[in-house]
Protein backbone atom coordinates (compact mmCIF):
# COMPACT_ATOMS: atom_id res chain seq x y z
CA MET A 1 51.45 263.25 -278.64
CA VAL A 2 52.31 261.70 -275.26
CA ALA A 3 51.52 264.98 -273.52
CA ALA A 4 48.22 265.26 -275.27
CA LEU A 5 47.28 261.68 -274.30
CA SER A 6 48.24 262.32 -270.69
CA ALA A 7 46.09 265.44 -270.63
CA ARG A 8 43.11 263.54 -272.02
CA LEU A 9 43.47 260.81 -269.35
CA ALA A 10 43.77 263.42 -266.58
CA ALA A 11 40.83 265.53 -267.78
CA PRO A 12 37.52 265.04 -265.96
CA CYS A 13 34.84 263.11 -267.82
CA THR A 14 32.08 265.27 -269.28
CA GLN A 15 29.54 262.56 -268.55
CA SER A 16 29.06 261.09 -265.10
CA ARG A 17 29.95 257.38 -264.82
CA VAL A 18 26.78 256.91 -262.84
CA GLN A 19 24.75 258.14 -265.82
CA GLN A 20 26.53 255.93 -268.37
CA ARG A 21 24.76 252.79 -269.43
CA PRO A 22 26.79 249.61 -268.85
CA THR A 23 28.06 247.95 -272.00
CA ARG A 24 27.07 244.43 -273.01
CA LYS A 25 30.51 243.25 -271.95
CA GLN A 26 30.07 244.83 -268.51
CA LEU A 27 26.64 243.25 -268.11
CA ALA A 28 28.05 239.84 -269.09
CA VAL A 29 30.86 240.15 -266.53
CA ARG A 30 28.35 241.09 -263.84
CA ALA A 31 26.18 238.10 -264.73
CA VAL A 32 29.08 235.69 -264.44
CA ALA A 33 30.09 237.20 -261.13
CA ALA A 34 26.56 236.88 -259.79
CA GLU A 35 26.43 233.19 -260.70
CA ALA A 36 29.90 232.35 -259.39
CA PRO A 37 30.00 230.22 -256.25
CA SER A 38 31.10 231.85 -253.07
CA SER A 39 34.32 230.32 -251.75
CA THR A 40 33.55 229.38 -248.19
CA THR A 41 36.06 226.56 -248.20
CA GLY A 42 38.94 228.44 -246.59
CA GLN A 43 41.25 227.34 -249.36
CA PRO A 44 44.16 229.55 -250.43
CA HIS A 45 43.54 232.06 -253.22
CA GLY A 46 39.78 231.89 -252.66
CA ARG A 47 39.62 228.56 -254.49
CA VAL A 48 36.62 226.25 -254.43
CA PHE A 49 36.50 222.48 -254.14
CA ASN A 50 36.15 221.42 -257.77
CA PHE A 51 34.57 217.97 -258.18
CA SER A 52 34.62 218.13 -261.97
CA ALA A 53 35.19 214.90 -263.88
CA GLY A 54 37.53 216.74 -266.24
CA PRO A 55 39.14 219.09 -266.81
CA ALA A 56 39.69 218.54 -263.13
CA VAL A 57 41.44 219.86 -260.05
CA LEU A 58 45.23 220.15 -260.04
CA PRO A 59 47.63 220.31 -257.09
CA LEU A 60 47.84 223.82 -255.66
CA GLU A 61 51.63 223.61 -255.46
CA VAL A 62 51.80 222.78 -259.18
CA LEU A 63 49.62 225.73 -260.10
CA GLU A 64 51.73 228.03 -257.94
CA GLN A 65 54.92 226.75 -259.56
CA ALA A 66 53.43 227.25 -263.01
CA GLN A 67 52.41 230.79 -262.01
CA ALA A 68 55.94 231.53 -260.85
CA ASP A 69 57.37 230.13 -264.10
CA LEU A 70 54.76 231.67 -266.38
CA LEU A 71 56.74 234.67 -267.67
CA ASN A 72 60.26 233.39 -267.28
CA TRP A 73 60.90 229.67 -266.97
CA ARG A 74 64.03 229.10 -264.87
CA GLY A 75 65.80 232.20 -266.10
CA SER A 76 65.34 231.34 -269.77
CA GLY A 77 63.67 234.69 -270.35
CA MET A 78 60.58 233.08 -271.86
CA SER A 79 57.46 231.15 -270.97
CA VAL A 80 57.12 227.44 -271.66
CA MET A 81 54.31 228.53 -273.99
CA GLU A 82 56.82 230.51 -276.03
CA MET A 83 59.86 228.29 -276.24
CA SER A 84 60.77 226.15 -279.20
CA HIS A 85 60.00 222.46 -278.73
CA ARG A 86 63.32 221.83 -280.52
CA GLY A 87 65.30 223.82 -277.95
CA LYS A 88 67.29 222.47 -275.06
CA GLU A 89 64.90 224.08 -272.55
CA PHE A 90 61.82 222.14 -273.61
CA GLN A 91 63.86 219.01 -274.23
CA SER A 92 64.83 219.07 -270.56
CA ILE A 93 61.13 219.43 -269.62
CA ILE A 94 59.90 216.45 -271.64
CA ASP A 95 62.87 214.30 -270.67
CA ALA A 96 62.25 214.95 -266.97
CA ALA A 97 58.52 214.25 -267.36
CA GLU A 98 59.20 210.91 -269.02
CA ALA A 99 61.83 209.93 -266.47
CA ASP A 100 59.53 210.69 -263.55
CA LEU A 101 56.61 208.86 -265.15
CA ARG A 102 58.80 205.81 -265.80
CA ALA A 103 59.93 205.86 -262.19
CA LEU A 104 56.38 206.19 -260.83
CA LEU A 105 55.08 203.21 -262.82
CA SER A 106 58.34 201.23 -262.99
CA ILE A 107 57.85 201.10 -266.78
CA PRO A 108 60.04 198.36 -268.29
CA ASP A 109 62.69 199.34 -270.82
CA ASN A 110 60.86 197.59 -273.67
CA TYR A 111 58.00 200.09 -273.52
CA HIS A 112 57.83 203.46 -275.21
CA VAL A 113 56.24 206.50 -273.53
CA LEU A 114 54.54 208.73 -276.09
CA PHE A 115 53.12 212.18 -275.48
CA MET A 116 50.36 212.38 -278.07
CA GLN A 117 47.52 214.75 -278.91
CA GLY A 118 43.82 214.49 -279.63
CA GLY A 119 42.66 213.20 -276.25
CA ALA A 120 42.05 209.58 -275.37
CA SER A 121 39.21 209.45 -277.90
CA THR A 122 41.74 209.74 -280.74
CA GLN A 123 43.30 206.51 -279.49
CA PHE A 124 40.00 204.76 -280.19
CA SER A 125 41.07 205.01 -283.83
CA ALA A 126 44.84 204.83 -283.43
CA ILE A 127 44.78 201.47 -281.62
CA PRO A 128 43.10 199.37 -284.32
CA LEU A 129 45.00 201.19 -287.04
CA ASN A 130 48.34 200.31 -285.40
CA LEU A 131 47.58 196.90 -283.94
CA ALA A 132 45.16 195.21 -286.36
CA ALA A 133 44.86 194.72 -290.11
CA ASP A 134 41.65 195.21 -292.03
CA GLY A 135 39.30 192.34 -291.12
CA ASP A 136 41.24 191.21 -288.04
CA ALA A 137 39.25 190.30 -284.94
CA VAL A 138 39.60 192.50 -281.84
CA ASP A 139 37.85 192.04 -278.51
CA TYR A 140 36.20 194.77 -276.45
CA ILE A 141 34.86 194.57 -272.89
CA VAL A 142 32.05 197.14 -272.56
CA THR A 143 31.36 198.29 -269.00
CA GLY A 144 30.23 201.87 -269.57
CA SER A 145 30.11 204.84 -271.90
CA TRP A 146 33.78 205.16 -272.79
CA SER A 147 34.43 201.48 -273.58
CA LYS A 148 31.25 201.51 -275.66
CA LYS A 149 32.51 204.48 -277.66
CA ALA A 150 35.88 202.84 -278.09
CA ALA A 151 34.26 199.69 -279.50
CA GLY A 152 32.05 201.73 -281.80
CA GLU A 153 35.01 203.58 -283.30
CA ALA A 154 37.05 200.37 -283.72
CA LYS A 155 34.27 198.90 -285.88
CA LYS A 156 35.37 201.27 -288.65
CA TYR A 157 38.73 199.51 -288.86
CA ALA A 158 38.44 195.94 -287.57
CA LYS A 159 36.06 193.10 -286.82
CA VAL A 160 34.92 193.98 -283.31
CA ASN A 161 33.75 191.28 -280.96
CA VAL A 162 32.07 192.69 -277.86
CA ALA A 163 33.18 189.89 -275.59
CA ALA A 164 31.20 191.11 -272.55
CA THR A 165 28.67 193.84 -271.83
CA GLY A 166 28.02 195.22 -268.39
CA ASP A 167 24.92 196.88 -266.97
CA ASN A 168 26.66 200.19 -266.20
CA LYS A 169 26.88 199.37 -262.52
CA SER A 170 28.91 196.14 -262.41
CA ILE A 171 31.54 194.18 -264.33
CA PRO A 172 30.52 190.87 -265.95
CA ALA A 173 32.10 187.83 -264.33
CA ARG A 174 35.32 186.83 -266.04
CA ASP A 175 34.06 183.33 -266.88
CA SER A 176 31.19 184.87 -268.89
CA TRP A 177 33.51 186.68 -271.32
CA ASN A 178 33.39 185.34 -274.88
CA LEU A 179 36.90 186.16 -276.09
CA SER A 180 37.88 185.46 -279.69
CA ALA A 181 40.51 182.82 -280.25
CA ASP A 182 42.32 184.97 -282.84
CA ALA A 183 41.80 188.46 -281.41
CA LYS A 184 44.70 190.84 -281.97
CA TYR A 185 44.01 192.46 -278.62
CA VAL A 186 41.53 192.80 -275.76
CA HIS A 187 40.49 196.35 -274.91
CA TYR A 188 38.80 197.53 -271.73
CA CYS A 189 38.31 200.75 -269.74
CA ASP A 190 39.92 200.49 -266.32
CA ASN A 191 37.64 203.15 -264.82
CA GLU A 192 34.38 204.32 -266.38
CA THR A 193 34.25 208.03 -265.53
CA ILE A 194 30.55 208.42 -266.08
CA GLN A 195 29.25 205.27 -264.40
CA GLY A 196 31.83 205.03 -261.62
CA VAL A 197 32.75 201.40 -262.37
CA GLU A 198 36.39 200.44 -261.82
CA PHE A 199 38.40 197.28 -262.34
CA LYS A 200 40.41 196.35 -259.26
CA GLY A 201 43.24 194.76 -261.17
CA ALA A 202 44.32 193.75 -264.70
CA PRO A 203 41.87 191.17 -266.09
CA ASP A 204 43.27 187.81 -267.14
CA VAL A 205 42.94 187.52 -270.92
CA GLY A 206 44.94 184.37 -271.37
CA GLY A 207 48.12 185.84 -272.77
CA LYS A 208 46.43 188.03 -275.34
CA VAL A 209 47.55 191.63 -275.82
CA LEU A 210 45.75 193.65 -273.16
CA ILE A 211 44.92 197.32 -273.78
CA ALA A 212 43.59 199.64 -271.09
CA ASP A 213 42.01 203.06 -271.21
CA MET A 214 43.13 204.49 -267.87
CA SER A 215 42.17 208.08 -268.50
CA SER A 216 40.28 208.70 -265.28
CA ASN A 217 42.38 206.65 -262.88
CA PHE A 218 45.86 206.99 -264.34
CA LEU A 219 48.48 207.19 -261.58
CA SER A 220 45.86 206.74 -258.86
CA LYS A 221 47.28 203.33 -257.85
CA PRO A 222 50.21 201.04 -258.60
CA VAL A 223 49.96 199.21 -261.92
CA ASP A 224 52.04 196.33 -263.31
CA VAL A 225 52.74 197.74 -266.77
CA SER A 226 54.21 194.41 -267.94
CA LYS A 227 50.73 192.89 -267.98
CA TYR A 228 49.65 195.27 -270.73
CA GLY A 229 50.51 195.72 -274.35
CA LEU A 230 49.33 199.32 -274.27
CA ILE A 231 48.01 201.79 -271.69
CA TYR A 232 46.62 205.18 -272.66
CA ALA A 233 45.21 208.12 -270.71
CA GLY A 234 44.02 211.62 -271.40
CA ALA A 235 45.71 214.03 -269.02
CA GLN A 236 42.83 216.28 -268.04
CA LYS A 237 41.30 214.03 -265.40
CA ASN A 238 44.18 213.17 -263.08
CA ILE A 239 47.56 214.49 -264.21
CA GLY A 240 47.29 217.79 -266.00
CA PRO A 241 45.40 220.09 -268.36
CA ALA A 242 43.77 218.91 -271.57
CA GLY A 243 46.02 218.71 -274.58
CA VAL A 244 48.26 215.70 -274.06
CA THR A 245 47.51 211.97 -274.02
CA ILE A 246 49.94 209.51 -272.52
CA VAL A 247 50.47 206.27 -274.48
CA ILE A 248 52.63 203.54 -272.98
CA VAL A 249 53.19 200.86 -275.64
CA ARG A 250 55.31 197.75 -275.83
CA ASP A 251 58.10 197.72 -278.45
CA ASP A 252 56.79 194.73 -280.42
CA LEU A 253 53.45 196.45 -281.06
CA ILE A 254 55.11 199.34 -282.88
CA GLY A 255 55.85 199.36 -286.61
CA ASN A 256 52.82 197.60 -288.03
CA ALA A 257 50.52 200.54 -288.71
CA ARG A 258 48.35 200.26 -291.80
CA PRO A 259 49.33 202.35 -294.81
CA ILE A 260 46.18 204.44 -294.35
CA THR A 261 47.14 205.40 -290.80
CA PRO A 262 47.45 209.18 -290.44
CA VAL A 263 51.04 210.04 -289.69
CA MET A 264 50.10 211.69 -286.40
CA LEU A 265 48.54 208.40 -285.19
CA ASP A 266 51.43 206.14 -286.22
CA TYR A 267 53.12 204.93 -283.04
CA LYS A 268 56.41 204.23 -284.84
CA VAL A 269 56.56 207.78 -286.20
CA GLN A 270 55.87 209.16 -282.73
CA ALA A 271 58.39 206.84 -281.09
CA ASP A 272 61.12 207.49 -283.68
CA ASP A 273 60.67 211.26 -283.27
CA LYS A 274 60.37 211.01 -279.47
CA SER A 275 56.87 212.52 -279.50
CA MET A 276 58.07 215.52 -281.51
CA TYR A 277 57.13 214.76 -285.12
CA ASN A 278 55.33 218.08 -284.90
CA THR A 279 54.95 220.64 -282.14
CA PRO A 280 53.74 218.76 -279.07
CA PRO A 281 51.36 220.28 -276.44
CA CYS A 282 54.30 221.81 -274.59
CA TRP A 283 52.42 223.51 -271.75
CA SER A 284 50.33 220.40 -270.99
CA ILE A 285 53.48 218.24 -270.89
CA TYR A 286 55.18 220.76 -268.63
CA ILE A 287 52.26 220.72 -266.14
CA ALA A 288 52.05 216.93 -266.24
CA GLY A 289 55.76 216.81 -265.53
CA LEU A 290 55.30 218.98 -262.45
CA VAL A 291 52.54 216.63 -261.29
CA PHE A 292 54.78 213.56 -261.79
CA ALA A 293 57.61 215.14 -259.81
CA LYS A 294 55.26 216.09 -256.98
CA MET A 295 53.84 212.58 -256.83
CA ARG A 296 57.29 211.10 -256.53
CA ALA A 297 58.12 213.52 -253.72
CA ASP A 298 54.84 212.65 -251.97
CA GLY A 299 55.55 208.92 -251.82
CA GLY A 300 54.60 207.60 -255.23
CA LEU A 301 51.63 205.48 -256.26
CA ALA A 302 51.34 203.52 -253.00
CA ALA A 303 50.80 206.78 -251.13
CA ALA A 304 48.35 207.97 -253.81
CA LEU A 305 46.31 204.80 -253.48
CA ALA A 306 46.14 205.05 -249.67
CA ASN A 307 44.96 208.64 -249.91
CA ASN A 308 42.38 207.82 -252.57
CA GLU A 309 41.00 204.90 -250.59
CA LYS A 310 40.62 207.13 -247.56
CA LYS A 311 38.74 209.82 -249.51
CA ALA A 312 36.47 207.32 -251.28
CA LYS A 313 35.58 205.61 -248.03
CA ILE A 314 34.40 208.91 -246.54
CA LEU A 315 31.95 209.44 -249.40
CA TYR A 316 30.72 205.88 -249.67
CA ASP A 317 30.23 205.79 -245.88
CA ALA A 318 28.23 209.02 -246.12
CA ILE A 319 25.96 207.41 -248.69
CA ALA A 320 25.60 204.18 -246.71
CA GLY A 321 24.94 206.05 -243.48
CA SER A 322 22.10 208.19 -244.93
CA ASN A 323 19.40 205.56 -244.20
CA GLY A 324 18.58 205.33 -247.88
CA PHE A 325 18.35 209.07 -248.54
CA TYR A 326 21.30 208.72 -250.96
CA ASN A 327 22.03 205.76 -253.17
CA SER A 328 25.11 204.58 -255.00
CA PRO A 329 24.01 202.50 -258.00
CA VAL A 330 27.34 200.72 -258.43
CA ASP A 331 28.17 197.21 -257.18
CA PRO A 332 30.32 197.76 -254.06
CA ALA A 333 32.94 195.35 -255.39
CA VAL A 334 33.77 197.60 -258.34
CA ARG A 335 33.01 201.10 -257.04
CA SER A 336 35.42 203.68 -258.39
CA LEU A 337 37.92 205.44 -256.15
CA MET A 338 37.88 208.36 -258.59
CA ASN A 339 34.28 208.99 -259.64
CA VAL A 340 31.45 208.57 -257.14
CA PRO A 341 27.95 208.81 -258.67
CA PHE A 342 24.98 208.98 -256.30
CA THR A 343 21.31 209.86 -256.37
CA ILE A 344 18.41 210.85 -254.10
CA PRO A 345 16.05 208.00 -255.07
CA SER A 346 13.04 209.05 -252.96
CA ASN A 347 12.91 212.55 -254.44
CA PRO A 348 15.00 213.15 -257.56
CA ASP A 349 13.72 216.73 -257.73
CA LEU A 350 15.91 217.48 -254.70
CA GLU A 351 19.04 216.76 -256.68
CA LYS A 352 19.05 220.16 -258.37
CA GLU A 353 18.68 221.85 -254.98
CA PHE A 354 21.54 219.72 -253.62
CA ILE A 355 23.82 220.79 -256.45
CA ALA A 356 22.84 224.46 -256.14
CA GLN A 357 23.31 224.59 -252.36
CA ALA A 358 26.64 222.79 -252.56
CA ALA A 359 27.85 225.32 -255.11
CA LYS A 360 26.95 228.20 -252.84
CA GLN A 361 29.21 226.61 -250.24
CA GLY A 362 32.15 226.38 -252.60
CA MET A 363 31.66 222.76 -253.83
CA ILE A 364 31.14 222.83 -257.57
CA GLN A 365 30.65 220.51 -260.57
CA LEU A 366 28.62 217.91 -258.66
CA LYS A 367 26.01 217.42 -261.36
CA GLY A 368 26.01 213.92 -262.79
CA HIS A 369 26.71 213.31 -266.46
CA ARG A 370 23.79 214.23 -268.65
CA SER A 371 23.38 210.62 -269.76
CA VAL A 372 22.79 209.28 -266.24
CA GLY A 373 21.69 212.27 -264.13
CA GLY A 374 21.97 212.42 -260.37
CA MET A 375 25.19 213.65 -258.78
CA ARG A 376 28.81 212.70 -259.24
CA ALA A 377 31.81 213.63 -257.13
CA SER A 378 35.11 213.17 -258.92
CA ILE A 379 37.80 212.91 -256.25
CA TYR A 380 41.00 212.53 -258.23
CA ASN A 381 44.47 212.50 -256.68
CA SER A 382 44.53 216.29 -256.35
CA MET A 383 41.19 216.67 -254.55
CA PRO A 384 42.14 217.64 -251.02
CA LEU A 385 40.92 215.43 -248.18
CA GLU A 386 39.25 218.52 -246.72
CA GLY A 387 37.07 218.81 -249.82
CA VAL A 388 35.73 215.29 -249.42
CA GLN A 389 35.18 215.84 -245.70
CA GLN A 390 33.25 219.06 -246.37
CA LEU A 391 31.11 217.34 -249.00
CA ALA A 392 30.31 214.46 -246.65
CA ALA A 393 29.32 216.88 -243.91
CA PHE A 394 27.11 218.80 -246.34
CA MET A 395 25.48 215.54 -247.48
CA GLN A 396 24.64 214.65 -243.90
CA LYS A 397 23.18 218.08 -243.19
CA PHE A 398 21.15 218.15 -246.42
CA ALA A 399 19.71 214.71 -245.73
CA ALA A 400 18.70 215.74 -242.19
CA GLN A 401 16.90 218.76 -243.56
CA HIS A 402 14.99 216.92 -246.29
CA ALA A 403 14.51 213.34 -245.13
CA LYS A 404 10.89 212.40 -244.59
């Protein structure tokens, strides 16, 4: 049988390949290849500069390490995607990830670190189910799309008071907030990915339990965890691939989940089982752990903040120096270091051409969110400085070519 198969493979085709019609699959592959951006960035492996808001760019060194470990993690004879989450190999991975994360953020001992699933959006439900009883008051500060969604979901489980509402380009003054006297917690989004609005420190909520969605700026700057009751963040924006959500929660807030709380959302269950009540997102945790270790080696969160400030300044200066060709709609006092939305106010039709031309030069995912339009450059920790510099240079050239 083997000899017969070899003979068939060696025999000449009776029909010329040139005469054969391409299959649908071949046509689809050709179409994708034709639309793919050309990598003119000079990056290793022919990579582009990916300005996606998430899933987003990861450190090249982390990807190379994951590639090297893919088939055989540290001589174990198996991939991380294959190993049992109950085995000593994966236990060492999740333990190292938690230890490095605790070191990066100086997380106090009275806080649990949970590796949960379902994305940050699942926490919109988990938080009121764990921290408030039916009918309890909870406060939400709405400054953009994600905090608005969080408040909307919480209304299913608690009495939501929207204590302040922004205009999607600024943060309401603290003295205008109408906080409830008996609120179980105050929730806000530290960085609105879509609008590009970012808090520059933990808001003062008068001793109430403060909860922060830090999905799109997690580990981008130093944070005093002790000021918060709970911090949560989806991984896919700044620390790893989609699949794992980090929850950092104070001990005293665990153990009061309502009876109706799904077991997978019960913080006590997750804490007691050390994030392994069921099979966790092993690969995502592994990649996040590599990112944490790299960040520690690179100087920690102070170094990350300095780098992020430098990159953001380049883009905001490019916008400011365009003589009005580009516009950033966000109040300068609260402009995000992670997500930079901008428009071409004099001719919005040029925005599609901007995005298309940038993609041809290896700068992709610059289209703004469908709800706001325009452009958006997400410049998370792992976006190389060279990517931001190239984008700024392209912006200057494009403006010179199209300014009236």
